[in-house]
C-alpha cells in the first residue's frame, strides 16, 4: 500500500505530487506548478501563457499551485486576487485541482468563492491548521483540506478538524517538513479510527473523484 503525499517540496519520483519551481520542473514523477504569492511579480501575466501551455501539454502536472493569498508576505492584494482568479479558471478548464496557499486570508478566499463565476475548480487548502469553525464556512464550496505535520500534535486545530471533516474532503501531505508521509498517515489513522490502509484508499479515491488526471496506484 502506497501512502500518497499530495503536496511536498521534496524531490520524489513516485507516490507524491511535488511542488515544482519555475524552470526546474522535475524530469520524473508528478508535480504542481503555479504563481505562489510569495514570488508573485507585477509581470506575472507575461509568464502565464507558459503555465497555460505546460499545464495543457504535460499530463504529469496534476494541479495548479501553490496559488493563493498571503497578507504577511507577498505583493498588494489586488495583484494576488487577479493572479489567483486566473489560475483558478485554468485549473477549472483542465479539470484539475488548485493547491491553495492561504495565510491570514481566509476572508479573501471566501470572498472569491462567493463572488466568482459558478465554474470553480476543486481547491485543496494545503497545510490546514485553522479552527474547525473556519473550515465549516467553506463546506458549501468545492474546498478540500490537506493535513500534514500538525496532525502529530493532538491538540492542534488540524487534529480537531480532521475528526469532523467530511471524509471525501481529506488529503495528506508533508509540505516542506522533514516528517515522513507514513507518520502523517499513521496519525490520521488514529484520529479517524480507520486502518491506515483505508486512509490511503480514501485519499486516493478523493483525488480521483475531483481530478480528470487520475492517479493509478
N, C-alpha and C. Protein backbone atom coordinates (compact mmCIF):
# COMPACT_ATOMS: atom_id res chain seq x y z
N UNK A 1 0.84 -1.20 0.00
CA UNK A 1 0.00 0.00 0.00
C UNK A 1 0.88 1.26 0.00
N UNK A 2 0.63 2.13 -0.96
CA UNK A 2 1.41 3.35 -1.06
C UNK A 2 0.69 4.49 -0.36
N UNK A 3 1.45 5.28 0.39
CA UNK A 3 0.90 6.44 1.07
C UNK A 3 1.19 7.67 0.21
N UNK A 4 0.19 8.14 -0.49
CA UNK A 4 0.40 9.26 -1.39
C UNK A 4 0.58 10.56 -0.61
N UNK A 5 1.57 11.32 -1.02
CA UNK A 5 1.88 12.63 -0.47
C UNK A 5 1.37 13.65 -1.47
N UNK A 6 0.26 14.32 -1.14
CA UNK A 6 -0.41 15.15 -2.13
C UNK A 6 0.16 16.56 -2.26
N UNK A 7 1.13 16.88 -1.42
CA UNK A 7 1.83 18.17 -1.58
C UNK A 7 3.15 18.10 -0.82
N UNK A 8 4.23 18.17 -1.56
CA UNK A 8 5.55 18.13 -0.93
C UNK A 8 6.53 18.99 -1.69
N UNK A 9 7.51 19.51 -0.96
CA UNK A 9 8.61 20.25 -1.58
C UNK A 9 9.84 19.37 -1.74
N UNK A 10 9.70 18.11 -1.37
CA UNK A 10 10.81 17.16 -1.51
C UNK A 10 10.76 16.53 -2.90
N UNK A 11 11.93 16.30 -3.46
CA UNK A 11 12.01 15.68 -4.78
C UNK A 11 11.75 14.18 -4.66
N UNK A 12 10.66 13.72 -5.24
CA UNK A 12 10.32 12.30 -5.23
C UNK A 12 9.77 11.90 -6.58
N UNK A 13 10.18 10.74 -7.03
CA UNK A 13 9.76 10.30 -8.36
C UNK A 13 8.47 9.48 -8.33
N UNK A 14 8.10 8.98 -7.16
CA UNK A 14 6.88 8.18 -7.06
C UNK A 14 6.10 8.54 -5.79
N UNK A 15 4.80 8.33 -5.83
CA UNK A 15 3.96 8.46 -4.64
C UNK A 15 3.79 9.86 -4.10
N UNK A 16 4.01 10.87 -4.94
CA UNK A 16 3.94 12.23 -4.43
C UNK A 16 3.64 13.22 -5.55
N UNK A 17 3.08 14.36 -5.16
CA UNK A 17 2.92 15.50 -6.06
C UNK A 17 3.89 16.57 -5.57
N UNK A 18 4.95 16.75 -6.30
CA UNK A 18 5.99 17.69 -5.90
C UNK A 18 5.62 19.11 -6.31
N UNK A 19 5.82 20.04 -5.39
CA UNK A 19 5.62 21.45 -5.70
C UNK A 19 6.81 21.93 -6.51
N UNK A 20 6.60 22.14 -7.80
CA UNK A 20 7.72 22.49 -8.68
C UNK A 20 8.04 23.98 -8.63
N UNK A 21 9.26 24.27 -9.02
CA UNK A 21 9.75 25.65 -9.11
C UNK A 21 9.89 26.00 -10.58
N UNK A 22 9.60 27.23 -10.92
CA UNK A 22 9.71 27.66 -12.31
C UNK A 22 11.09 27.36 -12.87
N UNK A 23 11.12 26.84 -14.09
CA UNK A 23 12.35 26.48 -14.82
C UNK A 23 13.09 25.32 -14.17
N UNK A 24 12.45 24.67 -13.20
CA UNK A 24 13.06 23.50 -12.58
C UNK A 24 12.02 22.39 -12.41
N UNK A 25 11.18 22.23 -13.40
CA UNK A 25 10.16 21.19 -13.31
C UNK A 25 10.83 19.82 -13.30
N UNK A 26 10.35 18.92 -12.47
CA UNK A 26 11.00 17.61 -12.32
C UNK A 26 10.96 16.79 -13.60
N UNK A 27 12.00 16.03 -13.81
CA UNK A 27 12.10 15.19 -15.01
C UNK A 27 11.24 13.94 -14.89
N UNK A 28 10.99 13.50 -13.65
CA UNK A 28 10.15 12.32 -13.43
C UNK A 28 9.15 12.63 -12.33
N UNK A 29 8.07 11.86 -12.31
CA UNK A 29 7.08 12.00 -11.25
C UNK A 29 6.07 13.10 -11.53
N UNK A 30 5.08 13.16 -10.64
CA UNK A 30 4.02 14.15 -10.75
C UNK A 30 4.40 15.44 -10.04
N UNK A 31 3.79 16.55 -10.50
CA UNK A 31 4.11 17.83 -9.86
C UNK A 31 2.96 18.81 -10.03
N UNK A 32 3.04 19.90 -9.27
CA UNK A 32 2.13 21.04 -9.42
C UNK A 32 2.98 22.27 -9.74
N UNK A 33 2.34 23.27 -10.33
CA UNK A 33 3.06 24.49 -10.68
C UNK A 33 2.09 25.65 -10.70
N UNK A 34 2.53 26.78 -10.19
CA UNK A 34 1.67 27.95 -10.18
C UNK A 34 2.43 29.17 -9.71
N UNK A 35 1.69 30.28 -9.56
CA UNK A 35 2.27 31.53 -9.09
C UNK A 35 2.01 31.66 -7.59
N UNK A 36 3.01 31.29 -6.79
CA UNK A 36 2.93 31.39 -5.33
C UNK A 36 2.92 32.87 -4.96
N UNK A 37 2.06 33.29 -4.03
CA UNK A 37 2.00 34.72 -3.70
C UNK A 37 3.32 35.29 -3.19
N UNK A 38 4.18 34.47 -2.59
CA UNK A 38 5.46 34.98 -2.13
C UNK A 38 6.32 35.48 -3.28
N UNK A 39 6.18 34.84 -4.43
CA UNK A 39 7.07 35.13 -5.56
C UNK A 39 6.32 35.79 -6.72
N UNK A 40 5.12 36.24 -6.46
CA UNK A 40 4.29 36.85 -7.50
C UNK A 40 4.84 38.24 -7.85
N UNK A 41 5.07 38.46 -9.14
CA UNK A 41 5.62 39.73 -9.61
C UNK A 41 4.60 40.47 -10.47
N UNK A 42 4.86 41.77 -10.66
CA UNK A 42 3.95 42.59 -11.44
C UNK A 42 3.74 42.06 -12.85
N UNK A 43 4.78 41.44 -13.40
CA UNK A 43 4.72 40.96 -14.78
C UNK A 43 4.32 39.49 -14.88
N UNK A 44 3.59 38.98 -13.89
CA UNK A 44 3.24 37.56 -13.87
C UNK A 44 2.48 37.14 -15.12
N UNK A 45 1.73 38.07 -15.71
CA UNK A 45 0.93 37.71 -16.88
C UNK A 45 1.81 37.36 -18.09
N UNK A 46 3.03 37.87 -18.11
CA UNK A 46 3.95 37.53 -19.19
C UNK A 46 4.33 36.05 -19.14
N UNK A 47 4.28 35.46 -17.93
CA UNK A 47 4.64 34.06 -17.76
C UNK A 47 3.41 33.15 -17.73
N UNK A 48 2.24 33.75 -17.69
CA UNK A 48 1.02 32.95 -17.57
C UNK A 48 0.83 32.03 -18.77
N UNK A 49 1.14 32.53 -19.97
CA UNK A 49 0.98 31.71 -21.16
C UNK A 49 1.84 30.45 -21.07
N UNK A 50 3.03 30.58 -20.51
CA UNK A 50 3.90 29.42 -20.35
C UNK A 50 3.26 28.40 -19.41
N UNK A 51 2.67 28.88 -18.31
CA UNK A 51 1.98 27.98 -17.38
C UNK A 51 0.82 27.30 -18.08
N UNK A 52 0.06 28.07 -18.84
CA UNK A 52 -1.09 27.53 -19.54
C UNK A 52 -0.67 26.43 -20.53
N UNK A 53 0.39 26.68 -21.27
CA UNK A 53 0.86 25.71 -22.26
C UNK A 53 1.38 24.44 -21.59
N UNK A 54 2.16 24.63 -20.52
CA UNK A 54 2.71 23.47 -19.82
C UNK A 54 1.62 22.65 -19.16
N UNK A 55 0.68 23.33 -18.52
CA UNK A 55 -0.40 22.63 -17.82
C UNK A 55 -1.27 21.85 -18.80
N UNK A 56 -1.40 22.36 -20.02
CA UNK A 56 -2.22 21.70 -21.03
C UNK A 56 -1.51 20.49 -21.64
N UNK A 57 -0.21 20.62 -21.86
CA UNK A 57 0.52 19.58 -22.59
C UNK A 57 1.15 18.52 -21.70
N UNK A 58 1.51 18.88 -20.47
CA UNK A 58 2.24 17.96 -19.59
C UNK A 58 1.28 17.30 -18.62
N UNK A 59 0.96 16.04 -18.90
CA UNK A 59 -0.02 15.33 -18.08
C UNK A 59 0.51 14.95 -16.71
N UNK A 60 1.83 15.08 -16.49
CA UNK A 60 2.37 14.84 -15.15
C UNK A 60 2.07 16.01 -14.22
N UNK A 61 1.66 17.13 -14.78
CA UNK A 61 1.26 18.28 -13.97
C UNK A 61 -0.18 18.01 -13.51
N UNK A 62 -0.31 17.68 -12.25
CA UNK A 62 -1.61 17.24 -11.72
C UNK A 62 -2.42 18.33 -11.07
N UNK A 63 -1.79 19.47 -10.76
CA UNK A 63 -2.52 20.53 -10.08
C UNK A 63 -1.86 21.88 -10.37
N UNK A 64 -2.65 22.93 -10.29
CA UNK A 64 -2.14 24.29 -10.36
C UNK A 64 -1.84 24.75 -8.94
N UNK A 65 -0.67 25.33 -8.75
CA UNK A 65 -0.34 25.82 -7.41
C UNK A 65 1.07 25.47 -6.97
N UNK A 66 1.48 26.04 -5.89
CA UNK A 66 0.64 26.75 -4.95
C UNK A 66 0.21 28.10 -5.53
N UNK A 67 -1.01 28.45 -5.25
CA UNK A 67 -1.55 29.75 -5.60
C UNK A 67 -2.42 30.20 -4.43
N UNK A 68 -2.59 31.50 -4.30
CA UNK A 68 -3.47 31.93 -3.21
C UNK A 68 -3.24 33.33 -2.73
N UNK A 69 -3.38 33.48 -1.41
CA UNK A 69 -3.36 34.80 -0.78
C UNK A 69 -2.47 34.76 0.47
N UNK A 70 -1.74 35.85 0.68
CA UNK A 70 -0.88 35.93 1.86
C UNK A 70 -0.77 37.39 2.28
N UNK A 71 -1.30 37.69 3.48
CA UNK A 71 -1.24 39.05 3.99
C UNK A 71 0.09 39.35 4.68
N UNK A 72 0.89 38.33 4.93
CA UNK A 72 2.17 38.53 5.63
C UNK A 72 3.30 38.78 4.65
N UNK A 73 3.32 38.00 3.57
CA UNK A 73 4.41 38.07 2.61
C UNK A 73 3.84 37.96 1.21
N UNK A 74 4.07 39.00 0.42
CA UNK A 74 3.54 38.98 -0.93
C UNK A 74 3.24 40.39 -1.41
N UNK A 75 2.88 40.55 -2.70
CA UNK A 75 2.57 41.87 -3.25
C UNK A 75 1.20 42.36 -2.81
N UNK A 76 0.77 43.48 -3.35
CA UNK A 76 -0.53 44.04 -2.99
C UNK A 76 -1.64 43.04 -3.26
N UNK A 77 -2.67 43.11 -2.46
CA UNK A 77 -3.73 42.09 -2.50
C UNK A 77 -4.48 42.08 -3.82
N UNK A 78 -4.64 43.23 -4.48
CA UNK A 78 -5.34 43.24 -5.76
C UNK A 78 -4.60 42.39 -6.78
N UNK A 79 -3.28 42.44 -6.74
CA UNK A 79 -2.47 41.63 -7.65
C UNK A 79 -2.63 40.15 -7.33
N UNK A 80 -2.62 39.83 -6.05
CA UNK A 80 -2.82 38.44 -5.63
C UNK A 80 -4.18 37.93 -6.08
N UNK A 81 -5.20 38.74 -5.94
CA UNK A 81 -6.55 38.33 -6.32
C UNK A 81 -6.65 38.07 -7.82
N UNK A 82 -6.06 38.95 -8.62
CA UNK A 82 -6.13 38.79 -10.07
C UNK A 82 -5.41 37.53 -10.52
N UNK A 83 -4.22 37.29 -9.97
CA UNK A 83 -3.45 36.10 -10.33
C UNK A 83 -4.16 34.83 -9.88
N UNK A 84 -4.74 34.87 -8.70
CA UNK A 84 -5.45 33.69 -8.20
C UNK A 84 -6.64 33.36 -9.08
N UNK A 85 -7.40 34.36 -9.44
CA UNK A 85 -8.58 34.14 -10.27
C UNK A 85 -8.21 33.50 -11.60
N UNK A 86 -7.13 33.97 -12.22
CA UNK A 86 -6.69 33.42 -13.50
C UNK A 86 -6.28 31.96 -13.35
N UNK A 87 -5.56 31.65 -12.27
CA UNK A 87 -5.11 30.28 -12.05
C UNK A 87 -6.28 29.36 -11.72
N UNK A 88 -7.25 29.89 -11.00
CA UNK A 88 -8.43 29.08 -10.68
C UNK A 88 -9.19 28.72 -11.96
N UNK A 89 -9.31 29.66 -12.87
CA UNK A 89 -10.00 29.39 -14.12
C UNK A 89 -9.23 28.39 -14.98
N UNK A 90 -7.90 28.47 -14.93
CA UNK A 90 -7.09 27.50 -15.67
C UNK A 90 -7.29 26.10 -15.11
N UNK A 91 -7.26 25.99 -13.79
CA UNK A 91 -7.47 24.69 -13.15
C UNK A 91 -8.85 24.14 -13.52
N UNK A 92 -9.85 24.99 -13.49
CA UNK A 92 -11.20 24.54 -13.83
C UNK A 92 -11.27 24.05 -15.28
N UNK A 93 -10.66 24.80 -16.19
CA UNK A 93 -10.73 24.45 -17.60
C UNK A 93 -10.06 23.11 -17.89
N UNK A 94 -9.05 22.75 -17.09
CA UNK A 94 -8.34 21.49 -17.28
C UNK A 94 -8.94 20.36 -16.45
N UNK A 95 -9.83 20.70 -15.54
CA UNK A 95 -10.43 19.68 -14.69
C UNK A 95 -9.48 19.13 -13.65
N UNK A 96 -8.56 19.98 -13.18
CA UNK A 96 -7.60 19.56 -12.16
C UNK A 96 -7.71 20.48 -10.94
N UNK A 97 -7.27 20.02 -9.77
CA UNK A 97 -7.38 20.85 -8.56
C UNK A 97 -6.38 22.01 -8.55
N UNK A 98 -6.66 22.95 -7.66
CA UNK A 98 -5.75 24.04 -7.35
C UNK A 98 -5.27 23.85 -5.92
N UNK A 99 -3.96 23.90 -5.73
CA UNK A 99 -3.36 23.79 -4.39
C UNK A 99 -3.28 25.19 -3.79
N UNK A 100 -3.97 25.40 -2.69
CA UNK A 100 -4.12 26.73 -2.09
C UNK A 100 -3.10 27.01 -1.00
N UNK A 101 -2.44 28.16 -1.13
CA UNK A 101 -1.64 28.75 -0.06
C UNK A 101 -2.45 29.92 0.47
N UNK A 102 -2.76 29.90 1.76
CA UNK A 102 -3.62 30.95 2.31
C UNK A 102 -3.16 31.29 3.73
N UNK A 103 -2.64 32.50 3.91
CA UNK A 103 -2.12 32.95 5.20
C UNK A 103 -2.81 34.26 5.59
N UNK A 104 -3.51 34.23 6.74
CA UNK A 104 -4.23 35.40 7.24
C UNK A 104 -5.19 35.94 6.17
N UNK A 105 -5.79 35.04 5.41
CA UNK A 105 -6.59 35.50 4.27
C UNK A 105 -7.80 34.61 4.02
N UNK A 106 -8.29 33.96 5.07
CA UNK A 106 -9.50 33.13 4.93
C UNK A 106 -10.63 33.94 4.32
N UNK A 107 -10.75 35.21 4.71
CA UNK A 107 -11.82 36.07 4.22
C UNK A 107 -11.69 36.34 2.72
N UNK A 108 -10.45 36.40 2.23
CA UNK A 108 -10.24 36.65 0.81
C UNK A 108 -10.66 35.44 -0.02
N UNK A 109 -10.38 34.26 0.47
CA UNK A 109 -10.83 33.07 -0.23
C UNK A 109 -12.35 33.01 -0.24
N UNK A 110 -12.96 33.27 0.90
CA UNK A 110 -14.42 33.23 0.99
C UNK A 110 -15.05 34.27 0.05
N UNK A 111 -14.44 35.43 -0.02
CA UNK A 111 -14.91 36.47 -0.93
C UNK A 111 -14.85 35.98 -2.38
N UNK A 112 -13.73 35.34 -2.72
CA UNK A 112 -13.59 34.82 -4.08
C UNK A 112 -14.65 33.76 -4.37
N UNK A 113 -14.83 32.84 -3.45
CA UNK A 113 -15.79 31.75 -3.66
C UNK A 113 -17.22 32.27 -3.83
N UNK A 114 -17.54 33.33 -3.11
CA UNK A 114 -18.91 33.85 -3.14
C UNK A 114 -19.18 34.75 -4.35
N UNK A 115 -18.12 35.33 -4.91
CA UNK A 115 -18.32 36.31 -5.99
C UNK A 115 -17.83 35.83 -7.35
N UNK A 116 -17.05 34.75 -7.38
CA UNK A 116 -16.51 34.25 -8.64
C UNK A 116 -17.62 33.62 -9.47
N UNK A 117 -17.36 33.44 -10.76
CA UNK A 117 -18.33 32.70 -11.59
C UNK A 117 -18.59 31.32 -10.98
N UNK A 118 -19.70 30.74 -11.36
CA UNK A 118 -20.10 29.46 -10.77
C UNK A 118 -19.12 28.34 -11.08
N UNK A 119 -18.33 28.50 -12.12
CA UNK A 119 -17.39 27.46 -12.52
C UNK A 119 -16.12 27.55 -11.68
N UNK A 120 -16.12 26.80 -10.59
CA UNK A 120 -14.99 26.81 -9.67
C UNK A 120 -14.25 25.48 -9.75
N UNK A 121 -12.92 25.52 -9.64
CA UNK A 121 -12.18 24.26 -9.58
C UNK A 121 -12.26 23.67 -8.18
N UNK A 122 -11.86 22.44 -8.04
CA UNK A 122 -11.66 21.89 -6.69
C UNK A 122 -10.42 22.54 -6.12
N UNK A 123 -10.55 23.05 -4.91
CA UNK A 123 -9.45 23.75 -4.24
C UNK A 123 -9.02 22.93 -3.03
N UNK A 124 -7.73 22.66 -2.95
CA UNK A 124 -7.18 21.92 -1.81
C UNK A 124 -6.38 22.88 -0.94
N UNK A 125 -6.91 23.21 0.22
CA UNK A 125 -6.21 24.10 1.15
C UNK A 125 -5.12 23.28 1.83
N UNK A 126 -3.89 23.52 1.44
CA UNK A 126 -2.82 22.68 1.96
C UNK A 126 -2.34 23.18 3.33
N UNK A 127 -1.90 22.22 4.13
CA UNK A 127 -1.37 22.55 5.46
C UNK A 127 -2.42 23.11 6.41
N UNK A 128 -3.66 22.63 6.29
CA UNK A 128 -4.73 23.18 7.13
C UNK A 128 -4.39 23.05 8.61
N UNK A 129 -4.52 24.19 9.34
CA UNK A 129 -4.33 24.18 10.79
C UNK A 129 -5.07 25.34 11.43
N UNK A 130 -6.24 25.65 10.87
CA UNK A 130 -7.08 26.70 11.43
C UNK A 130 -8.24 26.07 12.19
N UNK A 131 -9.00 26.91 12.87
CA UNK A 131 -10.11 26.42 13.70
C UNK A 131 -11.18 25.73 12.84
N UNK A 132 -11.79 24.69 13.37
CA UNK A 132 -12.85 23.99 12.63
C UNK A 132 -13.98 24.92 12.17
N UNK A 133 -14.27 25.95 12.95
CA UNK A 133 -15.35 26.86 12.58
C UNK A 133 -15.07 27.54 11.25
N UNK A 134 -13.80 27.82 10.98
CA UNK A 134 -13.44 28.45 9.71
C UNK A 134 -13.56 27.45 8.56
N UNK A 135 -13.22 26.21 8.82
CA UNK A 135 -13.36 25.18 7.80
C UNK A 135 -14.82 24.99 7.41
N UNK A 136 -15.70 24.99 8.38
CA UNK A 136 -17.12 24.75 8.12
C UNK A 136 -17.71 25.82 7.21
N UNK A 137 -17.16 27.03 7.24
CA UNK A 137 -17.65 28.10 6.36
C UNK A 137 -17.36 27.82 4.89
N UNK A 138 -16.46 26.88 4.63
CA UNK A 138 -16.05 26.58 3.26
C UNK A 138 -16.75 25.37 2.67
N UNK A 139 -17.56 24.70 3.46
CA UNK A 139 -18.13 23.43 3.02
C UNK A 139 -19.20 23.56 1.93
N UNK A 140 -19.72 24.76 1.73
CA UNK A 140 -20.68 24.96 0.65
C UNK A 140 -19.99 25.08 -0.71
N UNK A 141 -18.67 25.08 -0.69
CA UNK A 141 -17.89 25.28 -1.91
C UNK A 141 -16.97 24.07 -2.14
N UNK A 142 -16.41 23.92 -3.33
CA UNK A 142 -15.55 22.76 -3.62
C UNK A 142 -14.16 22.90 -3.02
N UNK A 143 -14.11 22.96 -1.70
CA UNK A 143 -12.85 23.11 -0.98
C UNK A 143 -12.56 21.85 -0.18
N UNK A 144 -11.35 21.32 -0.36
CA UNK A 144 -10.88 20.17 0.40
C UNK A 144 -9.75 20.62 1.31
N UNK A 145 -9.31 19.74 2.18
CA UNK A 145 -8.32 20.09 3.20
C UNK A 145 -7.20 19.06 3.21
N UNK A 146 -5.97 19.56 3.12
CA UNK A 146 -4.82 18.68 3.17
C UNK A 146 -4.10 18.89 4.50
N UNK A 147 -3.88 17.80 5.21
CA UNK A 147 -3.32 17.84 6.56
C UNK A 147 -1.90 17.28 6.54
N UNK A 148 -1.04 17.91 7.36
CA UNK A 148 0.34 17.47 7.41
C UNK A 148 0.86 17.27 8.82
N UNK A 149 2.01 17.84 9.09
CA UNK A 149 2.72 17.59 10.34
C UNK A 149 1.92 17.98 11.59
N UNK A 150 0.97 18.88 11.44
CA UNK A 150 0.21 19.32 12.62
C UNK A 150 -0.66 18.19 13.20
N UNK A 151 -0.90 17.15 12.42
CA UNK A 151 -1.66 16.01 12.95
C UNK A 151 -0.89 15.27 14.03
N UNK A 152 0.41 15.48 14.10
CA UNK A 152 1.21 14.82 15.12
C UNK A 152 1.07 15.50 16.48
N UNK A 153 0.34 16.63 16.50
CA UNK A 153 0.06 17.34 17.75
C UNK A 153 -1.42 17.14 18.09
N UNK A 154 -1.72 16.37 19.13
CA UNK A 154 -3.12 16.01 19.43
C UNK A 154 -4.03 17.20 19.67
N UNK A 155 -3.49 18.33 20.13
CA UNK A 155 -4.33 19.48 20.45
C UNK A 155 -4.39 20.50 19.32
N UNK A 156 -3.81 20.19 18.19
CA UNK A 156 -3.77 21.16 17.10
C UNK A 156 -5.16 21.34 16.47
N UNK A 157 -5.34 22.48 15.81
CA UNK A 157 -6.58 22.71 15.07
C UNK A 157 -6.74 21.71 13.93
N UNK A 158 -5.62 21.30 13.34
CA UNK A 158 -5.67 20.30 12.28
C UNK A 158 -6.28 19.00 12.79
N UNK A 159 -5.82 18.56 13.94
CA UNK A 159 -6.36 17.33 14.53
C UNK A 159 -7.85 17.48 14.84
N UNK A 160 -8.23 18.62 15.39
CA UNK A 160 -9.62 18.84 15.74
C UNK A 160 -10.53 18.83 14.50
N UNK A 161 -10.05 19.44 13.39
CA UNK A 161 -10.89 19.47 12.21
C UNK A 161 -10.93 18.12 11.50
N UNK A 162 -9.82 17.40 11.48
CA UNK A 162 -9.82 16.10 10.83
C UNK A 162 -10.86 15.17 11.46
N UNK A 163 -11.06 15.30 12.75
CA UNK A 163 -12.04 14.45 13.42
C UNK A 163 -13.44 14.62 12.83
N UNK A 164 -13.78 15.84 12.39
CA UNK A 164 -15.13 16.13 11.90
C UNK A 164 -15.19 16.40 10.40
N UNK A 165 -14.06 16.50 9.76
CA UNK A 165 -14.02 16.84 8.34
C UNK A 165 -14.73 15.77 7.51
N UNK A 166 -15.58 16.18 6.57
CA UNK A 166 -16.17 15.18 5.67
C UNK A 166 -15.06 14.35 5.01
N UNK A 167 -15.24 13.06 5.01
CA UNK A 167 -14.14 12.19 4.59
C UNK A 167 -13.83 12.31 3.11
N UNK A 168 -14.77 12.81 2.34
CA UNK A 168 -14.49 12.98 0.92
C UNK A 168 -13.74 14.28 0.62
N UNK A 169 -13.32 14.97 1.69
CA UNK A 169 -12.57 16.22 1.51
C UNK A 169 -11.14 16.12 2.07
N UNK A 170 -10.68 14.93 2.38
CA UNK A 170 -9.42 14.76 3.12
C UNK A 170 -8.26 14.38 2.19
N UNK A 171 -7.13 15.09 2.39
CA UNK A 171 -5.86 14.74 1.76
C UNK A 171 -4.76 14.86 2.81
N UNK A 172 -3.61 14.23 2.53
CA UNK A 172 -2.49 14.25 3.46
C UNK A 172 -1.22 14.65 2.73
N UNK A 173 -0.29 15.28 3.46
CA UNK A 173 0.90 15.86 2.84
C UNK A 173 2.06 15.98 3.82
N UNK A 174 3.23 16.28 3.28
CA UNK A 174 4.39 16.61 4.13
C UNK A 174 4.79 18.07 3.98
N UNK A 175 4.41 18.72 2.89
CA UNK A 175 4.78 20.11 2.62
C UNK A 175 6.31 20.23 2.61
N UNK A 176 6.86 21.16 3.39
CA UNK A 176 8.31 21.35 3.42
C UNK A 176 8.94 20.81 4.70
N UNK A 177 8.20 19.97 5.42
CA UNK A 177 8.70 19.44 6.69
C UNK A 177 9.54 18.19 6.46
N UNK A 178 10.23 17.79 7.50
CA UNK A 178 11.05 16.58 7.45
C UNK A 178 10.27 15.35 7.91
N UNK A 179 9.00 15.54 8.21
CA UNK A 179 8.16 14.43 8.67
C UNK A 179 7.94 13.44 7.53
N UNK A 180 7.99 12.16 7.83
CA UNK A 180 7.72 11.14 6.82
C UNK A 180 6.22 11.06 6.57
N UNK A 181 5.84 10.86 5.31
CA UNK A 181 4.42 10.80 4.99
C UNK A 181 3.75 9.63 5.71
N UNK A 182 4.48 8.56 5.95
CA UNK A 182 3.90 7.43 6.68
C UNK A 182 3.47 7.81 8.08
N UNK A 183 4.21 8.72 8.71
CA UNK A 183 3.86 9.19 10.05
C UNK A 183 2.57 10.00 10.03
N UNK A 184 2.38 10.78 8.98
CA UNK A 184 1.15 11.56 8.83
C UNK A 184 -0.04 10.62 8.66
N UNK A 185 0.13 9.58 7.85
CA UNK A 185 -0.97 8.62 7.66
C UNK A 185 -1.27 7.86 8.95
N UNK A 186 -0.24 7.52 9.71
CA UNK A 186 -0.48 6.83 10.98
C UNK A 186 -1.25 7.72 11.93
N UNK A 187 -0.89 9.00 11.99
CA UNK A 187 -1.60 9.94 12.86
C UNK A 187 -3.06 10.07 12.42
N UNK A 188 -3.26 10.20 11.10
CA UNK A 188 -4.62 10.31 10.58
C UNK A 188 -5.44 9.05 10.87
N UNK A 189 -4.78 7.91 10.80
CA UNK A 189 -5.44 6.64 11.09
C UNK A 189 -5.99 6.62 12.50
N UNK A 190 -5.21 7.10 13.45
CA UNK A 190 -5.65 7.13 14.84
C UNK A 190 -6.79 8.12 15.05
N UNK A 191 -6.68 9.27 14.41
CA UNK A 191 -7.71 10.31 14.57
C UNK A 191 -9.03 9.88 13.96
N UNK A 192 -8.96 9.26 12.78
CA UNK A 192 -10.16 8.85 12.06
C UNK A 192 -10.70 7.50 12.52
N UNK A 193 -9.90 6.80 13.31
CA UNK A 193 -10.25 5.46 13.78
C UNK A 193 -10.49 4.52 12.60
N UNK A 194 -9.56 4.60 11.66
CA UNK A 194 -9.60 3.75 10.48
C UNK A 194 -8.25 3.06 10.32
N UNK A 195 -8.22 1.85 9.79
CA UNK A 195 -6.93 1.24 9.46
C UNK A 195 -6.18 2.14 8.49
N UNK A 196 -4.88 2.19 8.63
CA UNK A 196 -4.09 3.10 7.80
C UNK A 196 -4.26 2.78 6.32
N UNK A 197 -4.49 1.51 6.00
CA UNK A 197 -4.71 1.14 4.60
C UNK A 197 -5.98 1.79 4.05
N UNK A 198 -7.00 1.90 4.89
CA UNK A 198 -8.25 2.53 4.46
C UNK A 198 -8.08 4.03 4.28
N UNK A 199 -7.23 4.63 5.10
CA UNK A 199 -6.95 6.06 4.94
C UNK A 199 -6.26 6.29 3.60
N UNK A 200 -5.32 5.43 3.25
CA UNK A 200 -4.63 5.54 1.96
C UNK A 200 -5.60 5.39 0.80
N UNK A 201 -6.50 4.44 0.91
CA UNK A 201 -7.50 4.23 -0.14
C UNK A 201 -8.44 5.43 -0.24
N UNK A 202 -8.78 6.00 0.92
CA UNK A 202 -9.68 7.14 0.97
C UNK A 202 -9.09 8.35 0.25
N UNK A 203 -7.86 8.69 0.56
CA UNK A 203 -7.26 9.88 -0.05
C UNK A 203 -7.08 9.70 -1.55
N UNK A 204 -6.69 8.51 -1.97
CA UNK A 204 -6.51 8.26 -3.39
C UNK A 204 -7.85 8.35 -4.13
N UNK A 205 -8.89 7.79 -3.53
CA UNK A 205 -10.22 7.87 -4.13
C UNK A 205 -10.70 9.32 -4.20
N UNK A 206 -10.39 10.10 -3.17
CA UNK A 206 -10.78 11.51 -3.17
C UNK A 206 -10.14 12.24 -4.35
N UNK A 207 -8.85 11.97 -4.57
CA UNK A 207 -8.17 12.63 -5.69
C UNK A 207 -8.83 12.24 -7.01
N UNK A 208 -9.02 10.98 -7.22
CA UNK A 208 -9.54 10.52 -8.50
C UNK A 208 -10.97 10.94 -8.75
N UNK A 209 -11.67 11.34 -7.71
CA UNK A 209 -13.03 11.84 -7.86
C UNK A 209 -13.02 13.30 -8.32
N UNK A 210 -12.08 14.11 -7.85
CA UNK A 210 -12.11 15.54 -8.15
C UNK A 210 -11.24 15.94 -9.33
N UNK A 211 -10.41 15.03 -9.82
CA UNK A 211 -9.47 15.39 -10.88
C UNK A 211 -9.65 14.54 -12.12
N UNK A 212 -9.54 15.18 -13.27
CA UNK A 212 -9.56 14.44 -14.53
C UNK A 212 -8.24 13.70 -14.75
N UNK A 213 -7.18 14.14 -14.09
CA UNK A 213 -5.89 13.48 -14.22
C UNK A 213 -5.74 12.51 -13.05
N UNK A 214 -6.08 11.28 -13.34
CA UNK A 214 -6.17 10.26 -12.30
C UNK A 214 -4.80 9.77 -11.86
N UNK A 215 -4.77 9.28 -10.63
CA UNK A 215 -3.58 8.62 -10.08
C UNK A 215 -3.90 7.14 -9.98
N UNK A 216 -3.10 6.34 -10.62
CA UNK A 216 -3.23 4.90 -10.51
C UNK A 216 -2.12 4.39 -9.61
N UNK A 217 -2.50 3.74 -8.53
CA UNK A 217 -1.53 3.31 -7.53
C UNK A 217 -0.50 2.37 -8.16
